[in-house]
Amino acid sequence: MNKTLAISILLAGVLAVPVAAMAEDSDADRSNPKAFVKDSAITTAVKAQLAAKHINSLGNISVDTDMDGIVWLSGTAHTQDAIDQAISITRATEGVKSVHSTLTVKKDD
């Protein structure tokens, strides 16, 4: 009887370990999808604002957002005014904490 009880307890413990490990892993990964969705929402909002002001037609501007709400603008614009306007629009977008720009002026040939 004691042997059967000991085996049952041991078996229950062995079966419980993977369940506990899965619960711990899923809790650790929950923040990543939320952060990704937040970052994507900020990127989409910035792109929508730039499109509404027709900034993209003035050059080739890429937008990326990190998990801290920092937006990175890269690419080219036709004038410095377009770059300044893109940065200003980005800063005014909800959720943006700061803006880093590597935009450069590229004149049409």
N, C-alpha and C. Protein backbone atom coordinates (compact mmCIF):
# COMPACT_ATOMS: atom_id res chain seq x y z
N MET A 1 0.81 -1.18 0.00
CA MET A 1 0.00 0.00 0.00
C MET A 1 0.86 1.25 0.00
N ASN A 2 1.90 1.28 0.85
CA ASN A 2 2.79 2.43 0.89
C ASN A 2 3.54 2.59 -0.42
N LYS A 3 3.88 1.48 -1.03
CA LYS A 3 4.60 1.53 -2.30
C LYS A 3 3.70 2.13 -3.39
N THR A 4 2.44 1.77 -3.44
CA THR A 4 1.50 2.30 -4.42
C THR A 4 1.29 3.79 -4.21
N LEU A 5 1.17 4.21 -2.96
CA LEU A 5 0.99 5.62 -2.63
C LEU A 5 2.23 6.43 -3.04
N ALA A 6 3.40 5.89 -2.76
CA ALA A 6 4.64 6.59 -3.10
C ALA A 6 4.78 6.72 -4.62
N ILE A 7 4.45 5.70 -5.36
CA ILE A 7 4.53 5.75 -6.82
C ILE A 7 3.52 6.76 -7.36
N SER A 8 2.32 6.79 -6.80
CA SER A 8 1.29 7.73 -7.24
C SER A 8 1.72 9.17 -7.00
N ILE A 9 2.30 9.44 -5.85
CA ILE A 9 2.76 10.79 -5.54
C ILE A 9 3.91 11.18 -6.47
N LEU A 10 4.84 10.26 -6.67
CA LEU A 10 5.96 10.52 -7.57
C LEU A 10 5.47 10.78 -9.00
N LEU A 11 4.55 9.98 -9.46
CA LEU A 11 4.00 10.15 -10.80
C LEU A 11 3.27 11.49 -10.93
N ALA A 12 2.51 11.87 -9.92
CA ALA A 12 1.79 13.15 -9.95
C ALA A 12 2.79 14.31 -9.99
N GLY A 13 3.87 14.20 -9.24
CA GLY A 13 4.90 15.23 -9.24
C GLY A 13 5.58 15.35 -10.59
N VAL A 14 5.89 14.24 -11.21
CA VAL A 14 6.54 14.25 -12.52
C VAL A 14 5.62 14.85 -13.57
N LEU A 15 4.35 14.56 -13.50
CA LEU A 15 3.39 15.09 -14.46
C LEU A 15 3.12 16.58 -14.23
N ALA A 16 3.27 17.05 -13.02
CA ALA A 16 2.99 18.45 -12.70
C ALA A 16 4.12 19.38 -13.15
N VAL A 17 5.34 18.89 -13.28
CA VAL A 17 6.48 19.74 -13.64
C VAL A 17 6.29 20.40 -15.01
N PRO A 18 5.93 19.67 -16.07
CA PRO A 18 5.74 20.34 -17.37
C PRO A 18 4.61 21.38 -17.34
N VAL A 19 3.56 21.10 -16.58
CA VAL A 19 2.46 22.06 -16.49
C VAL A 19 2.93 23.35 -15.83
N ALA A 20 3.69 23.24 -14.77
CA ALA A 20 4.22 24.42 -14.08
C ALA A 20 5.19 25.18 -14.99
N ALA A 21 6.00 24.47 -15.72
CA ALA A 21 6.95 25.12 -16.62
C ALA A 21 6.23 25.86 -17.75
N MET A 22 5.17 25.27 -18.28
CA MET A 22 4.41 25.94 -19.34
C MET A 22 3.74 27.20 -18.81
N ALA A 23 3.19 27.14 -17.61
CA ALA A 23 2.53 28.32 -17.04
C ALA A 23 3.53 29.44 -16.81
N GLU A 24 4.72 29.09 -16.37
CA GLU A 24 5.75 30.09 -16.14
C GLU A 24 6.22 30.72 -17.45
N ASP A 25 6.41 29.91 -18.48
CA ASP A 25 6.85 30.43 -19.78
C ASP A 25 5.81 31.34 -20.41
N SER A 26 4.54 30.97 -20.34
CA SER A 26 3.52 31.80 -20.98
C SER A 26 3.39 33.13 -20.27
N ASP A 27 3.59 33.17 -18.96
CA ASP A 27 3.55 34.45 -18.24
C ASP A 27 4.71 35.33 -18.67
N ALA A 28 5.86 34.75 -18.88
CA ALA A 28 7.03 35.54 -19.26
C ALA A 28 6.87 36.12 -20.66
N ASP A 29 6.18 35.41 -21.55
CA ASP A 29 6.04 35.85 -22.93
C ASP A 29 4.84 36.78 -23.16
N ARG A 30 3.99 36.96 -22.16
CA ARG A 30 2.80 37.79 -22.36
C ARG A 30 3.15 39.23 -22.69
N SER A 31 4.23 39.75 -22.14
CA SER A 31 4.56 41.16 -22.38
C SER A 31 5.02 41.38 -23.82
N ASN A 32 5.63 40.41 -24.44
CA ASN A 32 6.13 40.60 -25.81
C ASN A 32 5.02 40.88 -26.83
N PRO A 33 3.95 40.08 -26.89
CA PRO A 33 2.91 40.40 -27.87
C PRO A 33 2.27 41.77 -27.61
N LYS A 34 2.06 42.12 -26.35
CA LYS A 34 1.48 43.43 -26.05
C LYS A 34 2.42 44.54 -26.49
N ALA A 35 3.70 44.38 -26.23
CA ALA A 35 4.67 45.39 -26.65
C ALA A 35 4.70 45.48 -28.16
N PHE A 36 4.63 44.34 -28.84
CA PHE A 36 4.64 44.34 -30.30
C PHE A 36 3.42 45.07 -30.84
N VAL A 37 2.25 44.79 -30.26
CA VAL A 37 1.03 45.44 -30.72
C VAL A 37 1.11 46.94 -30.48
N LYS A 38 1.61 47.34 -29.31
CA LYS A 38 1.76 48.76 -29.00
C LYS A 38 2.71 49.43 -30.00
N ASP A 39 3.86 48.80 -30.24
CA ASP A 39 4.84 49.35 -31.18
C ASP A 39 4.25 49.45 -32.58
N SER A 40 3.53 48.43 -32.99
CA SER A 40 2.91 48.44 -34.32
C SER A 40 1.86 49.52 -34.42
N ALA A 41 1.11 49.73 -33.35
CA ALA A 41 0.08 50.77 -33.36
C ALA A 41 0.70 52.16 -33.50
N ILE A 42 1.81 52.39 -32.80
CA ILE A 42 2.51 53.68 -32.90
C ILE A 42 3.06 53.86 -34.31
N THR A 43 3.70 52.83 -34.85
CA THR A 43 4.25 52.90 -36.20
C THR A 43 3.14 53.19 -37.22
N THR A 44 2.02 52.50 -37.09
CA THR A 44 0.89 52.71 -38.00
C THR A 44 0.34 54.13 -37.87
N ALA A 45 0.23 54.62 -36.64
CA ALA A 45 -0.29 55.99 -36.44
C ALA A 45 0.64 57.02 -37.07
N VAL A 46 1.94 56.84 -36.91
CA VAL A 46 2.90 57.77 -37.51
C VAL A 46 2.79 57.72 -39.03
N LYS A 47 2.75 56.53 -39.59
CA LYS A 47 2.65 56.39 -41.05
C LYS A 47 1.36 57.03 -41.57
N ALA A 48 0.26 56.87 -40.82
CA ALA A 48 -1.01 57.47 -41.23
C ALA A 48 -0.93 58.99 -41.21
N GLN A 49 -0.29 59.53 -40.19
CA GLN A 49 -0.14 60.99 -40.10
C GLN A 49 0.74 61.51 -41.24
N LEU A 50 1.81 60.82 -41.53
CA LEU A 50 2.69 61.23 -42.63
C LEU A 50 1.96 61.14 -43.97
N ALA A 51 1.17 60.09 -44.14
CA ALA A 51 0.42 59.94 -45.39
C ALA A 51 -0.63 61.03 -45.53
N ALA A 52 -1.27 61.38 -44.42
CA ALA A 52 -2.30 62.43 -44.46
C ALA A 52 -1.71 63.78 -44.87
N LYS A 53 -0.47 64.01 -44.50
CA LYS A 53 0.20 65.26 -44.86
C LYS A 53 1.00 65.12 -46.15
N HIS A 54 0.91 63.96 -46.79
CA HIS A 54 1.60 63.68 -48.05
C HIS A 54 3.12 63.80 -47.94
N ILE A 55 3.64 63.49 -46.74
CA ILE A 55 5.09 63.53 -46.52
C ILE A 55 5.77 62.43 -47.32
N ASN A 56 5.16 61.26 -47.40
CA ASN A 56 5.79 60.15 -48.12
C ASN A 56 5.96 60.47 -49.61
N SER A 57 5.09 61.33 -50.15
CA SER A 57 5.25 61.68 -51.57
C SER A 57 6.44 62.60 -51.78
N LEU A 58 6.95 63.14 -50.69
CA LEU A 58 8.12 64.01 -50.79
C LEU A 58 9.43 63.26 -50.62
N GLY A 59 9.37 61.96 -50.48
CA GLY A 59 10.58 61.17 -50.31
C GLY A 59 10.25 59.74 -49.96
N ASN A 60 11.24 59.03 -49.45
CA ASN A 60 11.09 57.64 -49.06
C ASN A 60 11.43 57.53 -47.58
N ILE A 61 10.41 57.58 -46.72
CA ILE A 61 10.62 57.61 -45.27
C ILE A 61 10.13 56.31 -44.67
N SER A 62 11.01 55.64 -43.93
CA SER A 62 10.66 54.42 -43.20
C SER A 62 10.46 54.77 -41.73
N VAL A 63 9.51 54.09 -41.10
CA VAL A 63 9.18 54.33 -39.71
C VAL A 63 9.30 53.02 -38.95
N ASP A 64 9.98 53.06 -37.80
CA ASP A 64 10.09 51.89 -36.94
C ASP A 64 9.98 52.37 -35.50
N THR A 65 9.35 51.57 -34.65
CA THR A 65 9.16 51.93 -33.24
C THR A 65 9.69 50.82 -32.37
N ASP A 66 10.45 51.18 -31.32
CA ASP A 66 10.94 50.15 -30.40
C ASP A 66 9.96 50.02 -29.24
N MET A 67 10.24 49.09 -28.32
CA MET A 67 9.30 48.78 -27.25
C MET A 67 9.14 49.90 -26.23
N ASP A 68 9.99 50.92 -26.27
CA ASP A 68 9.91 52.03 -25.34
C ASP A 68 9.18 53.23 -25.93
N GLY A 69 8.61 53.09 -27.11
CA GLY A 69 7.90 54.19 -27.75
C GLY A 69 8.82 55.17 -28.46
N ILE A 70 10.05 54.75 -28.73
CA ILE A 70 10.99 55.58 -29.47
C ILE A 70 10.84 55.26 -30.95
N VAL A 71 10.61 56.30 -31.74
CA VAL A 71 10.39 56.12 -33.17
C VAL A 71 11.67 56.48 -33.92
N TRP A 72 12.02 55.62 -34.87
CA TRP A 72 13.20 55.81 -35.71
C TRP A 72 12.73 56.12 -37.12
N LEU A 73 13.11 57.27 -37.64
CA LEU A 73 12.81 57.64 -39.02
C LEU A 73 14.09 57.48 -39.84
N SER A 74 13.98 56.83 -40.97
CA SER A 74 15.14 56.66 -41.84
C SER A 74 14.70 56.81 -43.28
N GLY A 75 15.67 57.03 -44.15
CA GLY A 75 15.38 57.16 -45.56
C GLY A 75 15.73 58.54 -46.08
N THR A 76 14.99 58.97 -47.10
CA THR A 76 15.31 60.24 -47.75
C THR A 76 14.04 61.08 -47.91
N ALA A 77 14.26 62.37 -48.02
CA ALA A 77 13.20 63.33 -48.36
C ALA A 77 13.80 64.29 -49.37
N HIS A 78 12.93 65.01 -50.09
CA HIS A 78 13.42 65.90 -51.14
C HIS A 78 13.92 67.24 -50.61
N THR A 79 13.47 67.63 -49.41
CA THR A 79 13.91 68.90 -48.83
C THR A 79 14.11 68.76 -47.33
N GLN A 80 14.85 69.70 -46.76
CA GLN A 80 15.02 69.72 -45.32
C GLN A 80 13.69 70.05 -44.63
N ASP A 81 12.86 70.87 -45.28
CA ASP A 81 11.54 71.20 -44.72
C ASP A 81 10.69 69.94 -44.56
N ALA A 82 10.75 69.03 -45.53
CA ALA A 82 10.00 67.77 -45.45
C ALA A 82 10.50 66.93 -44.29
N ILE A 83 11.80 66.91 -44.07
CA ILE A 83 12.37 66.17 -42.94
C ILE A 83 11.89 66.77 -41.63
N ASP A 84 11.98 68.09 -41.53
CA ASP A 84 11.54 68.77 -40.31
C ASP A 84 10.06 68.53 -40.04
N GLN A 85 9.25 68.54 -41.09
CA GLN A 85 7.82 68.31 -40.93
C GLN A 85 7.55 66.87 -40.51
N ALA A 86 8.27 65.91 -41.07
CA ALA A 86 8.10 64.50 -40.70
C ALA A 86 8.45 64.29 -39.24
N ILE A 87 9.52 64.91 -38.78
CA ILE A 87 9.92 64.78 -37.37
C ILE A 87 8.87 65.42 -36.47
N SER A 88 8.39 66.59 -36.84
CA SER A 88 7.37 67.29 -36.05
C SER A 88 6.08 66.48 -35.95
N ILE A 89 5.62 65.94 -37.07
CA ILE A 89 4.41 65.12 -37.08
C ILE A 89 4.60 63.89 -36.20
N THR A 90 5.76 63.26 -36.30
CA THR A 90 6.04 62.07 -35.51
C THR A 90 6.02 62.39 -34.02
N ARG A 91 6.67 63.48 -33.63
CA ARG A 91 6.69 63.87 -32.21
C ARG A 91 5.29 64.11 -31.67
N ALA A 92 4.39 64.62 -32.50
CA ALA A 92 3.03 64.96 -32.07
C ALA A 92 2.10 63.75 -32.03
N THR A 93 2.56 62.60 -32.50
CA THR A 93 1.73 61.40 -32.54
C THR A 93 1.63 60.77 -31.16
N GLU A 94 0.42 60.37 -30.78
CA GLU A 94 0.17 59.78 -29.47
C GLU A 94 1.00 58.50 -29.27
N GLY A 95 1.61 58.40 -28.11
CA GLY A 95 2.40 57.22 -27.76
C GLY A 95 3.88 57.36 -28.06
N VAL A 96 4.27 58.37 -28.82
CA VAL A 96 5.68 58.56 -29.17
C VAL A 96 6.39 59.24 -28.00
N LYS A 97 7.44 58.59 -27.51
CA LYS A 97 8.23 59.14 -26.40
C LYS A 97 9.35 60.04 -26.91
N SER A 98 10.00 59.63 -27.99
CA SER A 98 11.04 60.44 -28.62
C SER A 98 11.23 59.99 -30.05
N VAL A 99 11.95 60.82 -30.81
CA VAL A 99 12.16 60.54 -32.23
C VAL A 99 13.64 60.61 -32.54
N HIS A 100 14.13 59.59 -33.24
CA HIS A 100 15.50 59.58 -33.76
C HIS A 100 15.40 59.54 -35.28
N SER A 101 16.14 60.42 -35.92
CA SER A 101 16.04 60.51 -37.38
C SER A 101 17.41 60.40 -38.03
N THR A 102 17.47 59.59 -39.06
CA THR A 102 18.64 59.53 -39.93
C THR A 102 18.24 59.92 -41.35
N LEU A 103 17.15 60.70 -41.45
CA LEU A 103 16.67 61.15 -42.75
C LEU A 103 17.69 62.07 -43.40
N THR A 104 17.84 61.93 -44.70
CA THR A 104 18.75 62.79 -45.45
C THR A 104 18.02 63.39 -46.64
N VAL A 105 18.52 64.51 -47.12
CA VAL A 105 17.94 65.18 -48.27
C VAL A 105 18.51 64.54 -49.53
N LYS A 106 17.61 64.17 -50.44
CA LYS A 106 18.02 63.61 -51.72
C LYS A 106 17.23 64.32 -52.80
N LYS A 107 17.89 65.13 -53.55
CA LYS A 107 17.24 65.87 -54.64
C LYS A 107 16.95 64.94 -55.80
N ASP A 108 15.88 65.25 -56.54
CA ASP A 108 15.59 64.49 -57.76
C ASP A 108 16.67 64.78 -58.79
N ASP A 109 17.03 63.76 -59.54
CA ASP A 109 18.05 63.94 -60.59
C ASP A 109 17.43 64.42 -61.86
